[in-house]
Amino acid sequence: MVLSRAAFGPQRREPENPYNDHRTYASPRCLFPVHAFVDGGGDDPWRLLEPDLHALTGAPEPGEIRRIALTGRYTAIPAAYQWFRGSLVAIELGIVLRALGVGLELFGVPARLRLPDADAHALIGELGAERAWEWSLPLVLDLGDTAPAARTTGDPEAPAARATGTPAAPAPRTAGGPDLVPGGIGAGDPAFADLVRVNRSQTYGGSPAPMTTAVPAGLPASGRTPNWAELLWSRHSGRMPRGLHGMSGRPARLPAEALRTAMSWLAVPPPGPELAAAFDAVKVTAVVQGIDGYDDGVHRVEDGTARPVRADASAPAALEENYGYGVSPVNGCRIRHAPMTVFFSVRPRELFARLGPAGWGAAQHACGWAVHGLCLSAAASGLFARPVRAFKEIPTQRVIGLDEDEAIVLSAVVGVPQDTGGALLDLRV
């Protein structure tokens, strides 16, 4: 349970924030649609982790934890989000995977990641999840030193491809059965039926892969967070006073180390050849200002470094102008002051050609993995990082120099927090 607290446990309550409670990772509106099921053996092995209670459902308590399944509940997100519910769950699965990876690494627990395969449809039922169609296909982590049996794909060339380090395209499979949305429900919410159908087609043919490092090597000591407990507690997405929405921020010059550390976190790939291949297909662009040693303007992030593309001191203000939630009587927005605004983009046609039907989901997992690293880097530098999907696509493409066939998967505003005077209630156990 110590591991679960480090990865999922509530950290803070902010009485002035319209959304509570806050965990070690960001989630839209603090909805936390991704849940963890824990297998401790026995006749009925799976238990749902209840982070607010610091407990597992069911009795008696399970034995040694053998597996953790991560799955997102689409209906935890309001229906007004329509198809976007699928993306929010896929991105958060990547975020949670890295949060859990950090916890595994801190406590020295080895694990292997199983991406969804043809058996994942049945696993949703085994988890005891009611209304199976409300849940995404699970990602499963096998804990401990014993390697699980390799899965077969029916493709004789797939193992050889992985032996050389080149990921084979995920094997397309046809979903069916009780984990699809029933016709009556789908007729009332066609977007929901569509996103579940798409999720059920995103299965993989690979073998379980070791959970590689989630933390970059050689990180400098943080003057803001002396240990991991304080780092995880300090992560936040920007604050506003008096229950207002959005984020505040102030202009301030930052040392070069703040950007270099962020680049180091962004360079760490997710585990397994499939997610790593999707990670390689993601272009990372940063709009930078007021950072020592770096020109104000647009930079491409590659191999842990930021390469200047275009000097443009007006780019942050242009981004704020094209943000969907601008300054208003109830909303704050200080993107024009942000020292970094980071964008993750892909070319969808190339992604599908390279990785097949699962490529879109894998890319969103990879972007979630990357953005959580950026959030932790920001916390270590005394900054906030706010993952967002609210920039107007076409004008933002022009600001950051993307081509017309590139789609923004996710972005994050990294800013210097402004003290709101509100209380921060410590919920750690």
Protein backbone atom coordinates (compact mmCIF):
# COMPACT_ATOMS: atom_id res chain seq x y z
CA MET A 1 0.00 0.00 0.00
CA VAL A 2 3.00 2.29 0.36
CA LEU A 3 3.48 2.02 -3.39
CA SER A 4 -0.18 2.87 -4.03
CA ARG A 5 0.05 5.96 -1.83
CA ALA A 6 3.14 7.16 -3.67
CA ALA A 7 1.49 6.72 -7.06
CA PHE A 8 -2.21 7.39 -6.41
CA GLY A 9 -2.63 8.81 -2.92
CA PRO A 10 -4.32 12.19 -2.35
CA GLN A 11 -1.77 14.90 -1.62
CA ARG A 12 -3.66 18.14 -1.04
CA ARG A 13 -7.00 19.82 -0.75
CA GLU A 14 -7.18 23.44 -1.85
CA PRO A 15 -10.34 25.07 -0.42
CA GLU A 16 -10.16 27.94 -2.93
CA ASN A 17 -9.82 25.57 -5.90
CA PRO A 18 -13.09 24.58 -7.62
CA TYR A 19 -11.65 21.08 -8.17
CA ASN A 20 -10.35 18.78 -5.41
CA ASP A 21 -8.59 16.59 -4.18
CA HIS A 22 -5.14 16.63 -5.80
CA ARG A 23 -2.95 13.59 -6.36
CA THR A 24 0.65 13.18 -7.49
CA TYR A 25 -0.44 13.55 -11.12
CA ALA A 26 -2.67 15.88 -13.10
CA SER A 27 -6.20 14.90 -14.12
CA PRO A 28 -8.84 16.99 -15.91
CA ARG A 29 -11.13 18.63 -13.36
CA CYS A 30 -9.71 16.18 -10.76
CA LEU A 31 -12.03 13.54 -12.26
CA PHE A 32 -9.38 10.77 -12.18
CA PRO A 33 -11.14 8.44 -14.63
CA VAL A 34 -8.25 5.93 -14.57
CA HIS A 35 -8.52 3.31 -11.83
CA ALA A 36 -6.14 0.66 -10.53
CA PHE A 37 -7.22 -2.92 -9.82
CA VAL A 38 -4.85 -5.01 -7.73
CA ASP A 39 -4.43 -8.80 -7.90
CA GLY A 40 -3.31 -10.37 -4.62
CA GLY A 41 -4.17 -13.96 -5.45
CA GLY A 42 -6.97 -16.17 -4.16
CA ASP A 43 -10.26 -17.27 -5.66
CA ASP A 44 -11.41 -13.72 -6.32
CA PRO A 45 -8.08 -11.94 -6.77
CA TRP A 46 -8.91 -8.51 -8.13
CA ARG A 47 -9.54 -5.58 -5.78
CA LEU A 48 -10.25 -1.98 -6.72
CA LEU A 49 -7.84 0.52 -5.19
CA GLU A 50 -9.69 3.29 -3.35
CA PRO A 51 -7.07 6.08 -3.10
CA ASP A 52 -9.20 8.31 -0.87
CA LEU A 53 -9.57 5.49 1.65
CA HIS A 54 -6.00 4.21 1.26
CA ALA A 55 -7.53 0.75 0.96
CA LEU A 56 -8.59 -2.01 -1.41
CA THR A 57 -12.19 -3.09 -1.82
CA GLY A 58 -13.28 -6.48 -0.59
CA ALA A 59 -12.28 -8.70 2.30
CA PRO A 60 -10.07 -10.22 3.39
CA GLU A 61 -7.06 -8.21 2.39
CA PRO A 62 -5.24 -9.89 -0.53
CA GLY A 63 -1.81 -11.40 -0.23
CA GLU A 64 1.31 -10.19 -1.98
CA ILE A 65 0.41 -7.99 -4.92
CA ARG A 66 1.11 -9.81 -8.18
CA ARG A 67 -0.53 -7.62 -10.82
CA ILE A 68 -1.92 -4.12 -11.25
CA ALA A 69 -4.43 -3.39 -14.00
CA LEU A 70 -4.97 0.21 -15.14
CA THR A 71 -8.25 1.00 -16.89
CA GLY A 72 -10.18 4.20 -17.50
CA ARG A 73 -13.90 4.65 -16.96
CA TYR A 74 -15.24 6.81 -19.76
CA THR A 75 -18.45 7.64 -17.90
CA ALA A 76 -16.44 9.36 -15.16
CA ILE A 77 -16.10 12.20 -17.67
CA PRO A 78 -19.21 14.28 -18.49
CA ALA A 79 -21.01 13.26 -21.68
CA ALA A 80 -20.58 16.81 -23.02
CA TYR A 81 -16.95 15.90 -23.77
CA GLN A 82 -18.26 13.43 -26.40
CA TRP A 83 -15.40 11.76 -28.36
CA PHE A 84 -12.83 13.65 -26.31
CA ARG A 85 -13.54 11.25 -23.44
CA GLY A 86 -11.50 8.67 -25.32
CA SER A 87 -8.48 10.93 -25.59
CA LEU A 88 -8.65 12.06 -21.96
CA VAL A 89 -8.63 8.45 -20.76
CA ALA A 90 -5.83 7.43 -23.15
CA ILE A 91 -3.66 10.38 -22.11
CA GLU A 92 -4.29 9.80 -18.41
CA LEU A 93 -3.36 6.13 -18.78
CA GLY A 94 0.07 7.32 -19.95
CA ILE A 95 0.28 9.80 -17.07
CA VAL A 96 -0.66 7.16 -14.49
CA LEU A 97 1.73 4.63 -16.03
CA ARG A 98 4.63 7.00 -15.40
CA ALA A 99 3.38 7.93 -11.92
CA LEU A 100 3.28 4.24 -11.09
CA GLY A 101 6.66 3.73 -12.77
CA VAL A 102 8.19 6.39 -10.52
CA GLY A 103 6.75 4.61 -7.47
CA LEU A 104 8.03 1.22 -8.62
CA GLU A 105 11.47 2.72 -9.14
CA LEU A 106 11.54 4.47 -5.76
CA PHE A 107 10.69 1.23 -3.94
CA GLY A 108 12.82 -1.03 -6.12
CA VAL A 109 9.94 -3.17 -7.42
CA PRO A 110 10.58 -4.78 -10.83
CA ALA A 111 7.62 -5.08 -13.18
CA ARG A 112 6.63 -5.92 -16.73
CA LEU A 113 4.00 -4.10 -18.78
CA ARG A 114 1.38 -5.99 -20.76
CA LEU A 115 -0.40 -3.82 -23.32
CA PRO A 116 -3.97 -4.85 -24.25
CA ASP A 117 -4.19 -7.98 -26.41
CA ALA A 118 -7.10 -10.14 -27.53
CA ASP A 119 -7.54 -11.41 -23.95
CA ALA A 120 -7.98 -7.89 -22.58
CA HIS A 121 -11.69 -7.91 -23.46
CA ALA A 122 -12.30 -10.81 -21.06
CA LEU A 123 -10.07 -9.24 -18.39
CA ILE A 124 -12.48 -6.31 -17.99
CA GLY A 125 -15.08 -8.82 -16.81
CA GLU A 126 -12.58 -10.56 -14.53
CA LEU A 127 -11.89 -7.25 -12.80
CA GLY A 128 -15.50 -7.19 -11.66
CA ALA A 129 -16.18 -3.92 -13.46
CA GLU A 130 -19.90 -3.49 -13.99
CA ARG A 131 -21.05 -2.34 -17.43
CA ALA A 132 -17.84 -3.47 -19.12
CA TRP A 133 -18.39 -1.09 -22.03
CA GLU A 134 -17.75 1.88 -19.76
CA TRP A 135 -14.09 0.86 -19.26
CA SER A 136 -11.03 0.98 -21.50
CA LEU A 137 -8.98 -2.09 -22.32
CA PRO A 138 -6.60 -2.53 -19.36
CA LEU A 139 -2.85 -2.06 -19.20
CA VAL A 140 -1.46 -4.72 -16.84
CA LEU A 141 1.74 -4.64 -14.82
CA ASP A 142 3.12 -7.96 -13.60
CA LEU A 143 5.10 -7.27 -10.43
CA GLY A 144 8.16 -9.14 -9.20
CA ASP A 145 11.18 -10.86 -10.67
CA THR A 146 9.35 -13.73 -12.36
CA ALA A 147 8.79 -12.96 -16.01
CA PRO A 148 5.27 -13.77 -17.21
CA ALA A 149 4.82 -16.14 -20.11
CA ALA A 150 5.21 -14.51 -23.50
CA ARG A 151 2.05 -14.10 -25.55
CA THR A 152 1.82 -15.44 -29.05
CA THR A 153 0.68 -13.17 -31.84
CA GLY A 154 0.07 -15.58 -34.71
CA ASP A 155 2.69 -13.64 -36.65
CA PRO A 156 5.87 -15.74 -37.00
CA GLU A 157 7.93 -12.68 -37.81
CA ALA A 158 6.87 -10.60 -34.81
CA PRO A 159 9.24 -12.19 -32.25
CA ALA A 160 12.18 -11.85 -34.62
CA ALA A 161 11.36 -8.22 -35.22
CA ARG A 162 11.37 -7.55 -31.49
CA ALA A 163 14.58 -9.47 -31.00
CA THR A 164 16.32 -6.93 -33.22
CA GLY A 165 14.78 -4.03 -31.32
CA THR A 166 12.45 -3.04 -34.18
CA PRO A 167 8.80 -3.00 -33.06
CA ALA A 168 6.38 -4.88 -35.25
CA ALA A 169 3.09 -3.18 -36.03
CA PRO A 170 0.34 -4.11 -33.53
CA ALA A 171 -1.80 -6.95 -34.80
CA PRO A 172 -5.27 -5.63 -35.70
CA ARG A 173 -8.09 -7.51 -34.04
CA THR A 174 -11.84 -7.29 -34.25
CA ALA A 175 -13.64 -6.50 -31.01
CA GLY A 176 -16.94 -8.04 -30.14
CA GLY A 177 -19.04 -9.30 -27.28
CA PRO A 178 -20.27 -7.78 -24.05
CA ASP A 179 -17.61 -5.07 -23.79
CA LEU A 180 -19.17 -3.05 -26.63
CA VAL A 181 -21.83 -0.42 -25.95
CA PRO A 182 -25.37 -1.89 -26.10
CA GLY A 183 -27.48 -0.55 -28.95
CA GLY A 184 -29.97 1.24 -26.73
CA ILE A 185 -27.27 3.18 -24.89
CA GLY A 186 -25.25 3.82 -28.04
CA ALA A 187 -28.25 5.30 -29.81
CA GLY A 188 -28.52 7.94 -27.11
CA ASP A 189 -24.79 8.67 -27.05
CA PRO A 190 -23.27 7.80 -30.45
CA ALA A 191 -19.95 9.47 -29.58
CA PHE A 192 -19.62 7.11 -26.61
CA ALA A 193 -20.33 4.08 -28.79
CA ASP A 194 -17.74 5.27 -31.30
CA LEU A 195 -14.95 5.85 -28.79
CA VAL A 196 -15.49 2.44 -27.17
CA ARG A 197 -15.47 0.73 -30.58
CA VAL A 198 -12.20 2.48 -31.43
CA ASN A 199 -10.66 1.50 -28.08
CA ARG A 200 -11.59 -2.15 -28.63
CA SER A 201 -9.71 -2.16 -31.94
CA GLN A 202 -6.49 -0.89 -30.31
CA THR A 203 -4.86 -4.15 -29.29
CA TYR A 204 -1.24 -5.24 -29.58
CA GLY A 205 0.60 -8.40 -30.45
CA GLY A 206 3.79 -8.00 -28.46
CA SER A 207 5.20 -9.70 -25.38
CA PRO A 208 5.28 -8.17 -21.89
CA ALA A 209 8.08 -5.60 -21.66
CA PRO A 210 10.16 -4.62 -18.61
CA MET A 211 9.22 -1.38 -16.93
CA THR A 212 12.25 0.69 -17.79
CA THR A 213 13.28 3.79 -15.89
CA ALA A 214 10.73 6.55 -15.43
CA VAL A 215 13.29 8.99 -14.01
CA PRO A 216 16.17 10.53 -15.99
CA ALA A 217 19.70 9.90 -14.78
CA GLY A 218 21.91 12.67 -13.46
CA LEU A 219 19.23 15.05 -12.25
CA PRO A 220 20.58 18.07 -10.38
CA ALA A 221 19.60 18.52 -6.75
CA SER A 222 16.46 20.58 -6.34
CA GLY A 223 16.61 23.63 -4.10
CA ARG A 224 12.80 23.62 -3.89
CA THR A 225 11.96 20.00 -3.07
CA PRO A 226 14.49 18.22 -0.83
CA ASN A 227 12.98 14.74 -1.30
CA TRP A 228 10.50 12.80 -3.41
CA ALA A 229 7.67 13.19 -0.93
CA GLU A 230 7.90 16.99 -1.17
CA LEU A 231 8.31 16.87 -4.94
CA LEU A 232 5.13 14.84 -5.41
CA TRP A 233 3.26 17.06 -2.95
CA SER A 234 4.43 20.24 -4.70
CA ARG A 235 3.25 19.27 -8.21
CA HIS A 236 0.33 21.44 -9.28
CA SER A 237 -1.32 22.83 -12.39
CA GLY A 238 -1.51 26.51 -11.48
CA ARG A 239 -3.89 28.22 -9.08
CA MET A 240 -6.38 31.05 -8.89
CA PRO A 241 -7.84 32.80 -5.81
CA ARG A 242 -11.42 32.72 -4.51
CA GLY A 243 -12.63 29.68 -6.42
CA LEU A 244 -11.90 31.15 -9.84
CA HIS A 245 -10.96 28.89 -12.73
CA GLY A 246 -7.79 28.78 -14.81
CA MET A 247 -4.24 29.67 -13.81
CA SER A 248 -2.37 32.70 -12.66
CA GLY A 249 1.29 33.36 -13.28
CA ARG A 250 3.89 36.07 -13.27
CA PRO A 251 6.88 37.02 -15.40
CA ALA A 252 10.23 35.95 -14.01
CA ARG A 253 13.60 35.07 -15.47
CA LEU A 254 14.65 31.44 -14.99
CA PRO A 255 18.06 29.79 -14.96
CA ALA A 256 19.00 27.54 -17.88
CA GLU A 257 18.83 24.52 -15.56
CA ALA A 258 15.02 24.75 -15.44
CA LEU A 259 14.76 24.08 -19.17
CA ARG A 260 17.61 21.55 -19.27
CA THR A 261 15.97 19.52 -16.50
CA ALA A 262 12.65 19.60 -18.32
CA MET A 263 14.33 18.37 -21.50
CA SER A 264 15.90 15.49 -19.56
CA TRP A 265 12.49 14.35 -18.29
CA LEU A 266 11.00 14.66 -21.78
CA ALA A 267 13.74 12.47 -23.26
CA VAL A 268 12.85 9.36 -21.21
CA PRO A 269 10.82 6.95 -23.40
CA PRO A 270 7.94 4.85 -22.10
CA PRO A 271 8.45 1.10 -21.64
CA GLY A 272 8.07 -1.47 -24.39
CA PRO A 273 8.73 -1.32 -28.14
CA GLU A 274 5.18 -0.32 -29.09
CA LEU A 275 4.94 2.72 -26.82
CA ALA A 276 8.57 3.62 -27.56
CA ALA A 277 7.80 3.60 -31.30
CA ALA A 278 4.84 5.90 -30.73
CA PHE A 279 7.02 8.12 -28.54
CA ASP A 280 9.53 8.39 -31.40
CA ALA A 281 6.72 9.54 -33.71
CA VAL A 282 5.82 12.48 -31.42
CA LYS A 283 7.28 15.88 -32.23
CA VAL A 284 7.91 18.09 -29.19
CA THR A 285 7.89 21.87 -29.64
CA ALA A 286 8.55 24.42 -26.89
CA VAL A 287 7.79 28.13 -26.92
CA VAL A 288 10.38 29.62 -24.58
CA GLN A 289 10.91 33.05 -23.05
CA GLY A 290 12.98 34.54 -20.26
CA ILE A 291 15.30 31.54 -19.76
CA ASP A 292 19.03 32.14 -19.48
CA GLY A 293 21.02 30.86 -22.43
CA TYR A 294 18.00 30.39 -24.73
CA ASP A 295 16.52 32.78 -27.28
CA ASP A 296 12.89 33.74 -26.84
CA GLY A 297 10.88 31.93 -29.47
CA VAL A 298 10.10 28.47 -30.87
CA HIS A 299 12.35 25.48 -30.19
CA ARG A 300 12.24 21.82 -31.21
CA VAL A 301 12.99 19.36 -28.41
CA GLU A 302 15.10 16.45 -29.61
CA ASP A 303 17.29 13.98 -27.69
CA GLY A 304 17.12 15.98 -24.48
CA THR A 305 18.02 19.34 -26.02
CA ALA A 306 16.11 22.36 -27.27
CA ARG A 307 17.06 23.43 -30.80
CA PRO A 308 16.02 26.97 -31.85
CA VAL A 309 13.68 27.11 -34.85
CA ARG A 310 12.55 30.72 -34.89
CA ALA A 311 13.26 33.72 -32.69
CA ASP A 312 9.91 35.26 -31.79
CA ALA A 313 9.38 37.23 -28.59
CA SER A 314 5.69 37.64 -29.46
CA ALA A 315 4.94 33.88 -29.57
CA PRO A 316 3.73 33.53 -25.93
CA ALA A 317 1.25 36.37 -26.36
CA ALA A 318 0.04 34.80 -29.62
CA LEU A 319 -0.51 31.50 -27.83
CA GLU A 320 -2.60 33.19 -25.14
CA GLU A 321 -4.69 34.84 -27.85
CA ASN A 322 -5.40 31.40 -29.32
CA TYR A 323 -6.18 29.68 -26.03
CA GLY A 324 -9.77 28.53 -25.55
CA TYR A 325 -10.15 29.81 -21.98
CA GLY A 326 -8.95 33.38 -22.00
CA VAL A 327 -9.02 35.97 -19.25
CA SER A 328 -12.56 36.66 -18.05
CA PRO A 329 -14.32 37.63 -14.80
CA VAL A 330 -14.26 33.96 -13.75
CA ASN A 331 -11.12 32.66 -15.44
CA GLY A 332 -7.40 33.42 -15.27
CA CYS A 333 -4.92 32.91 -18.10
CA ARG A 334 -1.31 34.04 -18.02
CA ILE A 335 0.19 32.09 -20.90
CA ARG A 336 1.88 35.27 -22.13
CA HIS A 337 4.04 35.13 -18.97
CA ALA A 338 4.85 31.40 -19.19
CA PRO A 339 8.57 30.64 -19.57
CA MET A 340 7.70 27.41 -21.41
CA THR A 341 4.68 26.16 -23.30
CA VAL A 342 5.26 22.66 -24.66
CA PHE A 343 3.37 20.96 -27.50
CA PHE A 344 3.25 17.27 -28.45
CA SER A 345 2.19 16.61 -32.04
CA VAL A 346 2.03 13.76 -34.55
CA ARG A 347 1.32 13.18 -38.21
CA PRO A 348 -1.77 10.92 -37.95
CA ARG A 349 -1.45 9.35 -41.40
CA GLU A 350 2.18 8.42 -40.83
CA LEU A 351 1.34 7.19 -37.34
CA PHE A 352 -1.36 4.83 -38.61
CA ALA A 353 0.78 3.63 -41.50
CA ARG A 354 3.63 2.84 -39.13
CA LEU A 355 1.81 1.47 -36.08
CA GLY A 356 -1.62 0.39 -37.29
CA PRO A 357 -4.95 0.88 -35.48
CA ALA A 358 -3.30 1.05 -32.06
CA GLY A 359 -1.00 3.89 -33.08
CA TRP A 360 -3.33 6.70 -32.02
CA GLY A 361 -3.88 5.29 -28.56
CA ALA A 362 -0.18 4.49 -28.16
CA ALA A 363 0.75 8.07 -29.10
CA GLN A 364 -1.65 9.45 -26.50
CA HIS A 365 -0.19 7.11 -23.86
CA ALA A 366 3.29 8.30 -24.85
CA CYS A 367 2.29 11.96 -24.60
CA GLY A 368 0.74 11.37 -21.18
CA TRP A 369 3.94 9.67 -20.06
CA ALA A 370 6.00 12.63 -21.30
CA VAL A 371 3.80 15.34 -19.80
CA HIS A 372 3.88 13.79 -16.34
CA GLY A 373 7.66 13.95 -16.47
CA LEU A 374 7.37 17.61 -17.42
CA CYS A 375 5.05 18.20 -14.45
CA LEU A 376 7.54 16.66 -12.02
CA SER A 377 10.39 18.66 -13.55
CA ALA A 378 8.37 21.85 -13.10
CA ALA A 379 7.68 21.04 -9.45
CA ALA A 380 11.40 20.49 -8.81
CA SER A 381 12.06 23.96 -10.26
CA GLY A 382 9.34 25.67 -8.21
CA LEU A 383 7.05 26.01 -11.25
CA PHE A 384 3.59 24.74 -12.17
CA ALA A 385 2.78 22.69 -15.26
CA ARG A 386 -0.75 22.55 -16.59
CA PRO A 387 -1.55 19.88 -19.24
CA VAL A 388 -4.16 21.30 -21.61
CA ARG A 389 -6.03 20.52 -24.81
CA ALA A 390 -7.57 23.97 -25.28
CA PHE A 391 -5.44 25.72 -27.91
CA LYS A 392 -7.15 26.54 -31.20
CA GLU A 393 -5.55 24.07 -33.56
CA ILE A 394 -4.96 25.90 -36.85
CA PRO A 395 -3.72 29.28 -35.55
CA THR A 396 -1.53 27.49 -32.99
CA GLN A 397 -0.02 25.36 -35.75
CA ARG A 398 1.10 28.59 -37.41
CA VAL A 399 2.57 30.04 -34.21
CA ILE A 400 4.73 26.99 -33.47
CA GLY A 401 5.58 26.15 -37.09
CA LEU A 402 3.73 22.87 -37.62
CA ASP A 403 2.68 21.63 -41.04
CA GLU A 404 -0.98 21.28 -41.99
CA ASP A 405 -0.91 17.48 -41.61
CA GLU A 406 0.37 17.61 -38.02
CA ALA A 407 -2.10 17.31 -35.16
CA ILE A 408 -1.52 18.56 -31.61
CA VAL A 409 -2.14 15.67 -29.23
CA LEU A 410 -1.43 17.50 -25.97
CA SER A 411 0.25 20.61 -24.63
CA ALA A 412 1.36 21.95 -21.26
CA VAL A 413 1.77 25.46 -19.92
CA VAL A 414 4.74 25.75 -17.54
CA GLY A 415 4.60 28.92 -15.47
CA VAL A 416 5.90 30.76 -12.42
CA PRO A 417 3.19 30.50 -9.75
CA GLN A 418 1.69 33.57 -8.18
CA ASP A 419 0.78 33.26 -4.51
CA THR A 420 -2.99 33.33 -4.14
CA GLY A 421 -2.98 33.30 -0.34
CA GLY A 422 -5.18 30.20 -0.26
CA ALA A 423 -4.74 27.32 2.15
CA LEU A 424 -3.08 24.07 1.10
CA LEU A 425 -4.32 21.20 3.25
CA ASP A 426 -1.93 18.25 3.51
CA LEU A 427 -3.76 14.93 2.96
CA ARG A 428 -0.76 12.63 2.98
CA VAL A 429 -0.80 9.58 5.24
